[in-house]
Full PDB file with SEQRES, HELIX, SHEET, SSBOND, CRYST1, ORIGX, SCALE, CONECT and MASTER records, all heavy atoms in Angstrom:
SEQRES   1 A   39  ALA LEU THR ASP PRO TRP GLU ARG LEU LEU THR VAL ALA          
SEQRES   2 A   39  VAL HIS LEU THR GLY ALA VAL GLY SER ASP ALA ALA TRP          
SEQRES   3 A   39  ARG LEU TRP VAL GLU SER TRP ARG TRP ALA SER ARG ASP          
HELIX    1 AA1 PRO A    5  THR A   17  1                                  13    
HELIX    2 AA2 ALA A   24  ALA A   36  1                                  13    
CRYST1    1.000    1.000    1.000  90.00  90.00  90.00 P 1           1          
ORIGX1      1.000000  0.000000  0.000000        0.00000                         
ORIGX2      0.000000  1.000000  0.000000        0.00000                         
ORIGX3      0.000000  0.000000  1.000000        0.00000                         
SCALE1      1.000000  0.000000  0.000000        0.00000                         
SCALE2      0.000000  1.000000  0.000000        0.00000                         
SCALE3      0.000000  0.000000  1.000000        0.00000                         
ATOM      1  N   ALA A   1      22.959 131.554  54.252  1.00  0.00           N  
ATOM      2  CA  ALA A   1      23.523 130.365  54.816  1.00  0.00           C  
ATOM      3  C   ALA A   1      22.496 129.501  55.582  1.00  0.00           C  
ATOM      4  O   ALA A   1      22.810 128.446  56.101  1.00  0.00           O  
ATOM      5  CB  ALA A   1      24.665 130.677  55.774  1.00  0.00           C  
ATOM      6  N   LEU A   2      21.207 129.977  55.631  1.00  0.00           N  
ATOM      7  CA  LEU A   2      20.184 129.330  56.416  1.00  0.00           C  
ATOM      8  C   LEU A   2      19.074 128.788  55.556  1.00  0.00           C  
ATOM      9  O   LEU A   2      18.663 129.464  54.606  1.00  0.00           O  
ATOM     10  CB  LEU A   2      19.614 130.243  57.487  1.00  0.00           C  
ATOM     11  CG  LEU A   2      20.615 130.872  58.443  1.00  0.00           C  
ATOM     12  CD1 LEU A   2      19.958 131.936  59.335  1.00  0.00           C  
ATOM     13  CD2 LEU A   2      21.205 129.793  59.329  1.00  0.00           C  
ATOM     14  N   THR A   3      18.528 127.653  55.912  1.00  0.00           N  
ATOM     15  CA  THR A   3      17.360 127.121  55.203  1.00  0.00           C  
ATOM     16  C   THR A   3      16.149 126.995  56.114  1.00  0.00           C  
ATOM     17  O   THR A   3      15.038 127.011  55.583  1.00  0.00           O  
ATOM     18  CB  THR A   3      17.660 125.745  54.561  1.00  0.00           C  
ATOM     19  OG1 THR A   3      18.138 124.874  55.599  1.00  0.00           O  
ATOM     20  CG2 THR A   3      18.764 125.876  53.499  1.00  0.00           C  
ATOM     21  N   ASP A   4      16.282 126.804  57.375  1.00  0.00           N  
ATOM     22  CA  ASP A   4      15.184 126.601  58.306  1.00  0.00           C  
ATOM     23  C   ASP A   4      14.405 127.940  58.455  1.00  0.00           C  
ATOM     24  O   ASP A   4      15.015 128.964  58.820  1.00  0.00           O  
ATOM     25  CB  ASP A   4      15.679 126.155  59.664  1.00  0.00           C  
ATOM     26  CG  ASP A   4      14.517 126.003  60.663  1.00  0.00           C  
ATOM     27  OD1 ASP A   4      13.789 124.979  60.512  1.00  0.00           O  
ATOM     28  OD2 ASP A   4      14.387 126.851  61.523  1.00  0.00           O  
ATOM     29  N   PRO A   5      13.081 127.938  58.141  1.00  0.00           N  
ATOM     30  CA  PRO A   5      12.312 129.185  58.202  1.00  0.00           C  
ATOM     31  C   PRO A   5      12.338 129.849  59.555  1.00  0.00           C  
ATOM     32  O   PRO A   5      12.429 131.059  59.606  1.00  0.00           O  
ATOM     33  CB  PRO A   5      10.881 128.715  57.837  1.00  0.00           C  
ATOM     34  CG  PRO A   5      11.044 127.467  57.085  1.00  0.00           C  
ATOM     35  CD  PRO A   5      12.288 126.789  57.641  1.00  0.00           C  
ATOM     36  N   TRP A   6      12.273 129.068  60.612  1.00  0.00           N  
ATOM     37  CA  TRP A   6      12.279 129.687  61.969  1.00  0.00           C  
ATOM     38  C   TRP A   6      13.635 130.327  62.224  1.00  0.00           C  
ATOM     39  O   TRP A   6      13.703 131.482  62.720  1.00  0.00           O  
ATOM     40  CB  TRP A   6      12.001 128.594  63.026  1.00  0.00           C  
ATOM     41  CG  TRP A   6      12.234 129.066  64.414  1.00  0.00           C  
ATOM     42  CD1 TRP A   6      13.245 128.717  65.242  1.00  0.00           C  
ATOM     43  CD2 TRP A   6      11.436 130.012  65.161  1.00  0.00           C  
ATOM     44  NE1 TRP A   6      13.143 129.367  66.454  1.00  0.00           N  
ATOM     45  CE2 TRP A   6      12.049 130.175  66.419  1.00  0.00           C  
ATOM     46  CE3 TRP A   6      10.289 130.768  64.866  1.00  0.00           C  
ATOM     47  CZ2 TRP A   6      11.533 131.028  67.384  1.00  0.00           C  
ATOM     48  CZ3 TRP A   6       9.773 131.615  65.842  1.00  0.00           C  
ATOM     49  CH2 TRP A   6      10.379 131.745  67.061  1.00  0.00           C  
ATOM     50  N   GLU A   7      14.725 129.681  61.929  1.00  0.00           N  
ATOM     51  CA  GLU A   7      16.045 130.267  62.098  1.00  0.00           C  
ATOM     52  C   GLU A   7      16.250 131.512  61.218  1.00  0.00           C  
ATOM     53  O   GLU A   7      16.855 132.453  61.628  1.00  0.00           O  
ATOM     54  CB  GLU A   7      17.163 129.242  61.756  1.00  0.00           C  
ATOM     55  CG  GLU A   7      17.279 128.132  62.799  1.00  0.00           C  
ATOM     56  CD  GLU A   7      17.679 128.715  64.158  1.00  0.00           C  
ATOM     57  OE1 GLU A   7      18.527 129.606  64.276  1.00  0.00           O  
ATOM     58  OE2 GLU A   7      17.091 128.201  65.158  1.00  0.00           O  
ATOM     59  N   ARG A   8      15.690 131.499  60.007  1.00  0.00           N  
ATOM     60  CA  ARG A   8      15.774 132.651  59.120  1.00  0.00           C  
ATOM     61  C   ARG A   8      15.020 133.863  59.772  1.00  0.00           C  
ATOM     62  O   ARG A   8      15.538 134.948  59.800  1.00  0.00           O  
ATOM     63  CB  ARG A   8      15.247 132.337  57.738  1.00  0.00           C  
ATOM     64  CG  ARG A   8      16.161 131.383  56.952  1.00  0.00           C  
ATOM     65  CD  ARG A   8      15.550 130.968  55.661  1.00  0.00           C  
ATOM     66  NE  ARG A   8      15.224 132.070  54.799  1.00  0.00           N  
ATOM     67  CZ  ARG A   8      16.069 132.638  53.876  1.00  0.00           C  
ATOM     68  NH1 ARG A   8      17.249 132.118  53.734  1.00  0.00           N  
ATOM     69  NH2 ARG A   8      15.693 133.647  53.135  1.00  0.00           N  
ATOM     70  N   LEU A   9      13.814 133.607  60.240  1.00  0.00           N  
ATOM     71  CA  LEU A   9      13.028 134.654  60.852  1.00  0.00           C  
ATOM     72  C   LEU A   9      13.689 135.190  62.092  1.00  0.00           C  
ATOM     73  O   LEU A   9      13.820 136.414  62.261  1.00  0.00           O  
ATOM     74  CB  LEU A   9      11.619 134.191  61.181  1.00  0.00           C  
ATOM     75  CG  LEU A   9      10.731 135.184  61.876  1.00  0.00           C  
ATOM     76  CD1 LEU A   9      10.495 136.418  60.992  1.00  0.00           C  
ATOM     77  CD2 LEU A   9       9.386 134.565  62.203  1.00  0.00           C  
ATOM     78  N   LEU A  10      14.206 134.331  62.944  1.00  0.00           N  
ATOM     79  CA  LEU A  10      14.871 134.736  64.168  1.00  0.00           C  
ATOM     80  C   LEU A  10      16.149 135.549  63.795  1.00  0.00           C  
ATOM     81  O   LEU A  10      16.460 136.533  64.475  1.00  0.00           O  
ATOM     82  CB  LEU A  10      15.221 133.526  65.027  1.00  0.00           C  
ATOM     83  CG  LEU A  10      15.633 133.818  66.429  1.00  0.00           C  
ATOM     84  CD1 LEU A  10      14.629 134.622  67.194  1.00  0.00           C  
ATOM     85  CD2 LEU A  10      15.898 132.500  67.165  1.00  0.00           C  
ATOM     86  N   THR A  11      16.840 135.160  62.799  1.00  0.00           N  
ATOM     87  CA  THR A  11      18.051 135.864  62.381  1.00  0.00           C  
ATOM     88  C   THR A  11      17.705 137.283  61.978  1.00  0.00           C  
ATOM     89  O   THR A  11      18.402 138.246  62.375  1.00  0.00           O  
ATOM     90  CB  THR A  11      18.763 135.122  61.217  1.00  0.00           C  
ATOM     91  OG1 THR A  11      19.191 133.850  61.679  1.00  0.00           O  
ATOM     92  CG2 THR A  11      19.902 135.924  60.667  1.00  0.00           C  
ATOM     93  N   VAL A  12      16.684 137.471  61.185  1.00  0.00           N  
ATOM     94  CA  VAL A  12      16.249 138.827  60.750  1.00  0.00           C  
ATOM     95  C   VAL A  12      15.881 139.637  62.006  1.00  0.00           C  
ATOM     96  O   VAL A  12      16.326 140.775  62.192  1.00  0.00           O  
ATOM     97  CB  VAL A  12      15.078 138.787  59.794  1.00  0.00           C  
ATOM     98  CG1 VAL A  12      14.555 140.190  59.553  1.00  0.00           C  
ATOM     99  CG2 VAL A  12      15.461 138.107  58.492  1.00  0.00           C  
ATOM    100  N   ALA A  13      15.066 139.044  62.854  1.00  0.00           N  
ATOM    101  CA  ALA A  13      14.548 139.805  64.038  1.00  0.00           C  
ATOM    102  C   ALA A  13      15.652 140.136  65.001  1.00  0.00           C  
ATOM    103  O   ALA A  13      15.684 141.267  65.517  1.00  0.00           O  
ATOM    104  CB  ALA A  13      13.469 138.940  64.709  1.00  0.00           C  
ATOM    105  N   VAL A  14      16.567 139.209  65.285  1.00  0.00           N  
ATOM    106  CA  VAL A  14      17.649 139.518  66.186  1.00  0.00           C  
ATOM    107  C   VAL A  14      18.550 140.591  65.637  1.00  0.00           C  
ATOM    108  O   VAL A  14      18.990 141.485  66.364  1.00  0.00           O  
ATOM    109  CB  VAL A  14      18.449 138.214  66.492  1.00  0.00           C  
ATOM    110  CG1 VAL A  14      19.792 138.523  67.161  1.00  0.00           C  
ATOM    111  CG2 VAL A  14      17.615 137.267  67.354  1.00  0.00           C  
ATOM    112  N   HIS A  15      18.807 140.535  64.339  1.00  0.00           N  
ATOM    113  CA  HIS A  15      19.619 141.618  63.714  1.00  0.00           C  
ATOM    114  C   HIS A  15      18.947 142.964  63.906  1.00  0.00           C  
ATOM    115  O   HIS A  15      19.587 143.924  64.301  1.00  0.00           O  
ATOM    116  CB  HIS A  15      19.826 141.328  62.240  1.00  0.00           C  
ATOM    117  CG  HIS A  15      20.531 142.423  61.521  1.00  0.00           C  
ATOM    118  ND1 HIS A  15      21.915 142.543  61.566  1.00  0.00           N  
ATOM    119  CD2 HIS A  15      20.080 143.509  60.852  1.00  0.00           C  
ATOM    120  CE1 HIS A  15      22.265 143.648  60.903  1.00  0.00           C  
ATOM    121  NE2 HIS A  15      21.160 144.204  60.455  1.00  0.00           N  
ATOM    122  N   LEU A  16      17.668 143.017  63.631  1.00  0.00           N  
ATOM    123  CA  LEU A  16      16.951 144.307  63.677  1.00  0.00           C  
ATOM    124  C   LEU A  16      16.747 144.839  65.116  1.00  0.00           C  
ATOM    125  O   LEU A  16      16.633 146.044  65.283  1.00  0.00           O  
ATOM    126  CB  LEU A  16      15.606 144.174  62.993  1.00  0.00           C  
ATOM    127  CG  LEU A  16      15.657 144.055  61.484  1.00  0.00           C  
ATOM    128  CD1 LEU A  16      14.265 143.898  60.895  1.00  0.00           C  
ATOM    129  CD2 LEU A  16      16.308 145.275  60.849  1.00  0.00           C  
ATOM    130  N   THR A  17      16.729 143.997  66.108  1.00  0.00           N  
ATOM    131  CA  THR A  17      16.581 144.510  67.490  1.00  0.00           C  
ATOM    132  C   THR A  17      17.886 145.106  68.007  1.00  0.00           C  
ATOM    133  O   THR A  17      17.885 145.803  69.028  1.00  0.00           O  
ATOM    134  CB  THR A  17      16.176 143.424  68.504  1.00  0.00           C  
ATOM    135  OG1 THR A  17      17.149 142.430  68.496  1.00  0.00           O  
ATOM    136  CG2 THR A  17      14.789 142.950  68.224  1.00  0.00           C  
ATOM    137  N   GLY A  18      19.020 144.813  67.347  1.00  0.00           N  
ATOM    138  CA  GLY A  18      20.304 145.252  67.897  1.00  0.00           C  
ATOM    139  C   GLY A  18      20.707 144.306  69.029  1.00  0.00           C  
ATOM    140  O   GLY A  18      21.567 144.693  69.837  1.00  0.00           O  
ATOM    141  N   ALA A  19      20.046 143.192  69.145  1.00  0.00           N  
ATOM    142  CA  ALA A  19      20.378 142.201  70.194  1.00  0.00           C  
ATOM    143  C   ALA A  19      21.737 141.630  70.032  1.00  0.00           C  
ATOM    144  O   ALA A  19      22.264 140.947  70.913  1.00  0.00           O  
ATOM    145  CB  ALA A  19      19.330 141.135  70.324  1.00  0.00           C  
ATOM    146  N   VAL A  20      22.342 141.816  68.875  1.00  0.00           N  
ATOM    147  CA  VAL A  20      23.724 141.431  68.604  1.00  0.00           C  
ATOM    148  C   VAL A  20      24.410 142.627  67.940  1.00  0.00           C  
ATOM    149  O   VAL A  20      23.782 143.480  67.373  1.00  0.00           O  
ATOM    150  CB  VAL A  20      23.781 140.188  67.688  1.00  0.00           C  
ATOM    151  CG1 VAL A  20      23.186 138.990  68.335  1.00  0.00           C  
ATOM    152  CG2 VAL A  20      23.129 140.437  66.381  1.00  0.00           C  
ATOM    153  N   GLY A  21      25.730 142.614  68.052  1.00  0.00           N  
ATOM    154  CA  GLY A  21      26.498 143.683  67.334  1.00  0.00           C  
ATOM    155  C   GLY A  21      26.468 145.028  68.017  1.00  0.00           C  
ATOM    156  O   GLY A  21      26.108 145.174  69.199  1.00  0.00           O  
ATOM    157  N   SER A  22      26.767 146.059  67.237  1.00  0.00           N  
ATOM    158  CA  SER A  22      26.833 147.380  67.795  1.00  0.00           C  
ATOM    159  C   SER A  22      25.545 148.110  67.695  1.00  0.00           C  
ATOM    160  O   SER A  22      24.636 147.703  67.005  1.00  0.00           O  
ATOM    161  CB  SER A  22      27.916 148.218  67.005  1.00  0.00           C  
ATOM    162  OG  SER A  22      27.339 148.661  65.787  1.00  0.00           O  
ATOM    163  N   ASP A  23      25.463 149.213  68.426  1.00  0.00           N  
ATOM    164  CA  ASP A  23      24.256 150.004  68.443  1.00  0.00           C  
ATOM    165  C   ASP A  23      24.241 151.099  67.343  1.00  0.00           C  
ATOM    166  O   ASP A  23      23.225 151.785  67.146  1.00  0.00           O  
ATOM    167  CB  ASP A  23      24.093 150.751  69.769  1.00  0.00           C  
ATOM    168  CG  ASP A  23      23.853 149.805  70.933  1.00  0.00           C  
ATOM    169  OD1 ASP A  23      23.426 148.668  70.663  1.00  0.00           O  
ATOM    170  OD2 ASP A  23      24.160 150.201  72.067  1.00  0.00           O  
ATOM    171  N   ALA A  24      25.325 151.233  66.606  1.00  0.00           N  
ATOM    172  CA  ALA A  24      25.443 152.321  65.629  1.00  0.00           C  
ATOM    173  C   ALA A  24      24.309 152.242  64.597  1.00  0.00           C  
ATOM    174  O   ALA A  24      23.734 153.292  64.236  1.00  0.00           O  
ATOM    175  CB  ALA A  24      26.781 152.288  64.949  1.00  0.00           C  
ATOM    176  N   ALA A  25      24.015 151.103  64.092  1.00  0.00           N  
ATOM    177  CA  ALA A  25      22.958 150.987  63.067  1.00  0.00           C  
ATOM    178  C   ALA A  25      21.623 151.424  63.639  1.00  0.00           C  
ATOM    179  O   ALA A  25      20.889 152.145  62.957  1.00  0.00           O  
ATOM    180  CB  ALA A  25      22.867 149.552  62.542  1.00  0.00           C  
ATOM    181  N   TRP A  26      21.312 151.015  64.857  1.00  0.00           N  
ATOM    182  CA  TRP A  26      20.037 151.451  65.431  1.00  0.00           C  
ATOM    183  C   TRP A  26      20.025 152.920  65.761  1.00  0.00           C  
ATOM    184  O   TRP A  26      19.020 153.605  65.597  1.00  0.00           O  
ATOM    185  CB  TRP A  26      19.682 150.590  66.668  1.00  0.00           C  
ATOM    186  CG  TRP A  26      18.454 149.835  66.393  1.00  0.00           C  
ATOM    187  CD1 TRP A  26      18.368 148.576  65.861  1.00  0.00           C  
ATOM    188  CD2 TRP A  26      17.097 150.322  66.532  1.00  0.00           C  
ATOM    189  NE1 TRP A  26      17.066 148.246  65.659  1.00  0.00           N  
ATOM    190  CE2 TRP A  26      16.259 149.279  66.081  1.00  0.00           C  
ATOM    191  CE3 TRP A  26      16.535 151.478  66.997  1.00  0.00           C  
ATOM    192  CZ2 TRP A  26      14.903 149.402  66.060  1.00  0.00           C  
ATOM    193  CZ3 TRP A  26      15.178 151.577  66.988  1.00  0.00           C  
ATOM    194  CH2 TRP A  26      14.351 150.543  66.533  1.00  0.00           C  
ATOM    195  N   ARG A  27      21.146 153.479  66.198  1.00  0.00           N  
ATOM    196  CA  ARG A  27      21.190 154.924  66.444  1.00  0.00           C  
ATOM    197  C   ARG A  27      20.937 155.678  65.125  1.00  0.00           C  
ATOM    198  O   ARG A  27      20.229 156.698  65.136  1.00  0.00           O  
ATOM    199  CB  ARG A  27      22.523 155.283  67.035  1.00  0.00           C  
ATOM    200  CG  ARG A  27      22.646 154.914  68.510  1.00  0.00           C  
ATOM    201  CD  ARG A  27      23.875 155.476  69.113  1.00  0.00           C  
ATOM    202  NE  ARG A  27      24.035 154.937  70.444  1.00  0.00           N  
ATOM    203  CZ  ARG A  27      25.191 154.502  70.934  1.00  0.00           C  
ATOM    204  NH1 ARG A  27      26.288 154.538  70.195  1.00  0.00           N  
ATOM    205  NH2 ARG A  27      25.255 154.010  72.123  1.00  0.00           N  
ATOM    206  N   LEU A  28      21.484 155.197  64.031  1.00  0.00           N  
ATOM    207  CA  LEU A  28      21.257 155.830  62.742  1.00  0.00           C  
ATOM    208  C   LEU A  28      19.806 155.699  62.342  1.00  0.00           C  
ATOM    209  O   LEU A  28      19.197 156.635  61.779  1.00  0.00           O  
ATOM    210  CB  LEU A  28      22.148 155.208  61.680  1.00  0.00           C  
ATOM    211  CG  LEU A  28      23.589 155.649  61.703  1.00  0.00           C  
ATOM    212  CD1 LEU A  28      24.405 154.840  60.688  1.00  0.00           C  
ATOM    213  CD2 LEU A  28      23.704 157.135  61.380  1.00  0.00           C  
ATOM    214  N   TRP A  29      19.203 154.559  62.654  1.00  0.00           N  
ATOM    215  CA  TRP A  29      17.795 154.343  62.330  1.00  0.00           C  
ATOM    216  C   TRP A  29      16.933 155.334  63.114  1.00  0.00           C  
ATOM    217  O   TRP A  29      16.037 155.948  62.580  1.00  0.00           O  
ATOM    218  CB  TRP A  29      17.423 152.879  62.670  1.00  0.00           C  
ATOM    219  CG  TRP A  29      16.096 152.398  62.233  1.00  0.00           C  
ATOM    220  CD1 TRP A  29      15.189 151.758  63.031  1.00  0.00           C  
ATOM    221  CD2 TRP A  29      15.481 152.481  60.938  1.00  0.00           C  
ATOM    222  NE1 TRP A  29      14.059 151.449  62.296  1.00  0.00           N  
ATOM    223  CE2 TRP A  29      14.228 151.885  61.053  1.00  0.00           C  
ATOM    224  CE3 TRP A  29      15.872 153.031  59.730  1.00  0.00           C  
ATOM    225  CZ2 TRP A  29      13.369 151.778  59.979  1.00  0.00           C  
ATOM    226  CZ3 TRP A  29      14.990 152.909  58.656  1.00  0.00           C  
ATOM    227  CH2 TRP A  29      13.760 152.305  58.765  1.00  0.00           C  
ATOM    228  N   VAL A  30      17.256 155.518  64.390  1.00  0.00           N  
ATOM    229  CA  VAL A  30      16.491 156.493  65.227  1.00  0.00           C  
ATOM    230  C   VAL A  30      16.728 157.902  64.701  1.00  0.00           C  
ATOM    231  O   VAL A  30      15.724 158.688  64.618  1.00  0.00           O  
ATOM    232  CB  VAL A  30      16.906 156.365  66.705  1.00  0.00           C  
ATOM    233  CG1 VAL A  30      16.339 157.502  67.528  1.00  0.00           C  
ATOM    234  CG2 VAL A  30      16.458 155.017  67.283  1.00  0.00           C  
ATOM    235  N   GLU A  31      17.911 158.229  64.312  1.00  0.00           N  
ATOM    236  CA  GLU A  31      18.188 159.571  63.750  1.00  0.00           C  
ATOM    237  C   GLU A  31      17.427 159.766  62.437  1.00  0.00           C  
ATOM    238  O   GLU A  31      16.879 160.823  62.200  1.00  0.00           O  
ATOM    239  CB  GLU A  31      19.689 159.777  63.524  1.00  0.00           C  
ATOM    240  CG  GLU A  31      20.509 159.940  64.739  1.00  0.00           C  
ATOM    241  CD  GLU A  31      20.167 161.185  65.538  1.00  0.00           C  
ATOM    242  OE1 GLU A  31      19.921 162.279  64.931  1.00  0.00           O  
ATOM    243  OE2 GLU A  31      20.086 161.107  66.775  1.00  0.00           O  
ATOM    244  N   SER A  32      17.331 158.690  61.657  1.00  0.00           N  
ATOM    245  CA  SER A  32      16.561 158.821  60.359  1.00  0.00           C  
ATOM    246  C   SER A  32      15.077 159.009  60.679  1.00  0.00           C  
ATOM    247  O   SER A  32      14.373 159.784  59.972  1.00  0.00           O  
ATOM    248  CB  SER A  32      16.805 157.631  59.449  1.00  0.00           C  
ATOM    249  OG  SER A  32      16.182 156.482  59.924  1.00  0.00           O  
ATOM    250  N   TRP A  33      14.573 158.373  61.712  1.00  0.00           N  
ATOM    251  CA  TRP A  33      13.170 158.587  62.130  1.00  0.00           C  
ATOM    252  C   TRP A  33      12.916 160.071  62.489  1.00  0.00           C  
ATOM    253  O   TRP A  33      11.945 160.660  62.106  1.00  0.00           O  
ATOM    254  CB  TRP A  33      12.819 157.783  63.352  1.00  0.00           C  
ATOM    255  CG  TRP A  33      12.542 156.317  63.138  1.00  0.00           C  
ATOM    256  CD1 TRP A  33      12.406 155.658  61.943  1.00  0.00           C  
ATOM    257  CD2 TRP A  33      12.419 155.342  64.103  1.00  0.00           C  
ATOM    258  NE1 TRP A  33      12.180 154.334  62.168  1.00  0.00           N  
ATOM    259  CE2 TRP A  33      12.184 154.117  63.514  1.00  0.00           C  
ATOM    260  CE3 TRP A  33      12.483 155.387  65.518  1.00  0.00           C  
ATOM    261  CZ2 TRP A  33      12.018 152.945  64.203  1.00  0.00           C  
ATOM    262  CZ3 TRP A  33      12.315 154.213  66.246  1.00  0.00           C  
ATOM    263  CH2 TRP A  33      12.083 152.984  65.602  1.00  0.00           C  
ATOM    264  N   ARG A  34      13.857 160.599  63.282  1.00  0.00           N  
ATOM    265  CA  ARG A  34      13.765 162.003  63.706  1.00  0.00           C  
ATOM    266  C   ARG A  34      13.722 162.915  62.461  1.00  0.00           C  
ATOM    267  O   ARG A  34      12.895 163.806  62.414  1.00  0.00           O  
ATOM    268  CB  ARG A  34      14.932 162.385  64.600  1.00  0.00           C  
ATOM    269  CG  ARG A  34      14.874 161.748  65.980  1.00  0.00           C  
ATOM    270  CD  ARG A  34      15.998 162.201  66.891  1.00  0.00           C  
ATOM    271  NE  ARG A  34      16.048 163.610  67.063  1.00  0.00           N  
ATOM    272  CZ  ARG A  34      17.030 164.424  66.668  1.00  0.00           C  
ATOM    273  NH1 ARG A  34      18.099 163.929  66.123  1.00  0.00           N  
ATOM    274  NH2 ARG A  34      16.976 165.702  66.853  1.00  0.00           N  
ATOM    275  N   TRP A  35      14.635 162.694  61.500  1.00  0.00           N  
ATOM    276  CA  TRP A  35      14.640 163.511  60.322  1.00  0.00           C  
ATOM    277  C   TRP A  35      13.411 163.243  59.462  1.00  0.00           C  
ATOM    278  O   TRP A  35      12.847 164.193  58.855  1.00  0.00           O  
ATOM    279  CB  TRP A  35      15.909 163.232  59.495  1.00  0.00           C  
ATOM    280  CG  TRP A  35      17.033 164.104  59.983  1.00  0.00           C  
ATOM    281  CD1 TRP A  35      17.583 164.077  61.192  1.00  0.00           C  
ATOM    282  CD2 TRP A  35      17.734 165.068  59.269  1.00  0.00           C  
ATOM    283  NE1 TRP A  35      18.584 164.982  61.301  1.00  0.00           N  
ATOM    284  CE2 TRP A  35      18.727 165.615  60.087  1.00  0.00           C  
ATOM    285  CE3 TRP A  35      17.627 165.554  57.953  1.00  0.00           C  
ATOM    286  CZ2 TRP A  35      19.546 166.603  59.700  1.00  0.00           C  
ATOM    287  CZ3 TRP A  35      18.476 166.537  57.518  1.00  0.00           C  
ATOM    288  CH2 TRP A  35      19.435 167.087  58.415  1.00  0.00           C  
ATOM    289  N   ALA A  36      12.937 162.041  59.436  1.00  0.00           N  
ATOM    290  CA  ALA A  36      11.744 161.731  58.640  1.00  0.00           C  
ATOM    291  C   ALA A  36      10.506 162.479  59.142  1.00  0.00           C  
ATOM    292  O   ALA A  36       9.590 162.774  58.361  1.00  0.00           O  
ATOM    293  CB  ALA A  36      11.478 160.199  58.635  1.00  0.00           C  
ATOM    294  N   SER A  37      10.477 162.775  60.423  1.00  0.00           N  
ATOM    295  CA  SER A  37       9.326 163.487  60.967  1.00  0.00           C  
ATOM    296  C   SER A  37       9.251 164.924  60.440  1.00  0.00           C  
ATOM    297  O   SER A  37       8.219 165.557  60.489  1.00  0.00           O  
ATOM    298  CB  SER A  37       9.323 163.454  62.506  1.00  0.00           C  
ATOM    299  OG  SER A  37      10.376 164.271  63.002  1.00  0.00           O  
ATOM    300  N   ARG A  38      10.388 165.403  59.892  1.00  0.00           N  
ATOM    301  CA  ARG A  38      10.438 166.785  59.472  1.00  0.00           C  
ATOM    302  C   ARG A  38      10.727 166.931  57.933  1.00  0.00           C  
ATOM    303  O   ARG A  38      10.536 167.992  57.379  1.00  0.00           O  
ATOM    304  CB  ARG A  38      11.543 167.557  60.192  1.00  0.00           C  
ATOM    305  CG  ARG A  38      11.351 167.614  61.646  1.00  0.00           C  
ATOM    306  CD  ARG A  38      12.406 168.458  62.363  1.00  0.00           C  
ATOM    307  NE  ARG A  38      13.780 168.063  62.067  1.00  0.00           N  
ATOM    308  CZ  ARG A  38      14.531 167.191  62.787  1.00  0.00           C  
ATOM    309  NH1 ARG A  38      14.004 166.646  63.806  1.00  0.00           N  
ATOM    310  NH2 ARG A  38      15.724 166.954  62.465  1.00  0.00           N  
ATOM    311  N   ASP A  39      11.203 165.877  57.315  1.00  0.00           N  
ATOM    312  CA  ASP A  39      11.640 165.965  55.923  1.00  0.00           C  
ATOM    313  C   ASP A  39      10.944 164.923  55.103  1.00  0.00           C  
ATOM    314  O   ASP A  39      11.095 163.694  55.348  1.00  0.00           O  
ATOM    315  CB  ASP A  39      13.168 165.757  55.884  1.00  0.00           C  
ATOM    316  CG  ASP A  39      13.781 165.879  54.534  1.00  0.00           C  
ATOM    317  OD1 ASP A  39      13.427 165.114  53.651  1.00  0.00           O  
ATOM    318  OD2 ASP A  39      14.595 166.821  54.329  1.00  0.00           O  
TER     319      ASP A  39                                                      
MASTER        0    0    0    2    0    0    0    6  318    1    0    3          
END                                                                             
């Protein structure tokens, strides 16, 4: 839905920081890091 490059970049970055929405995705990401260190 976005065409402005700055808005697109900010949208990706805000999503990935967990600065919006729930923490579940980031907790899963952290758990996957933990498993990745061993598997």
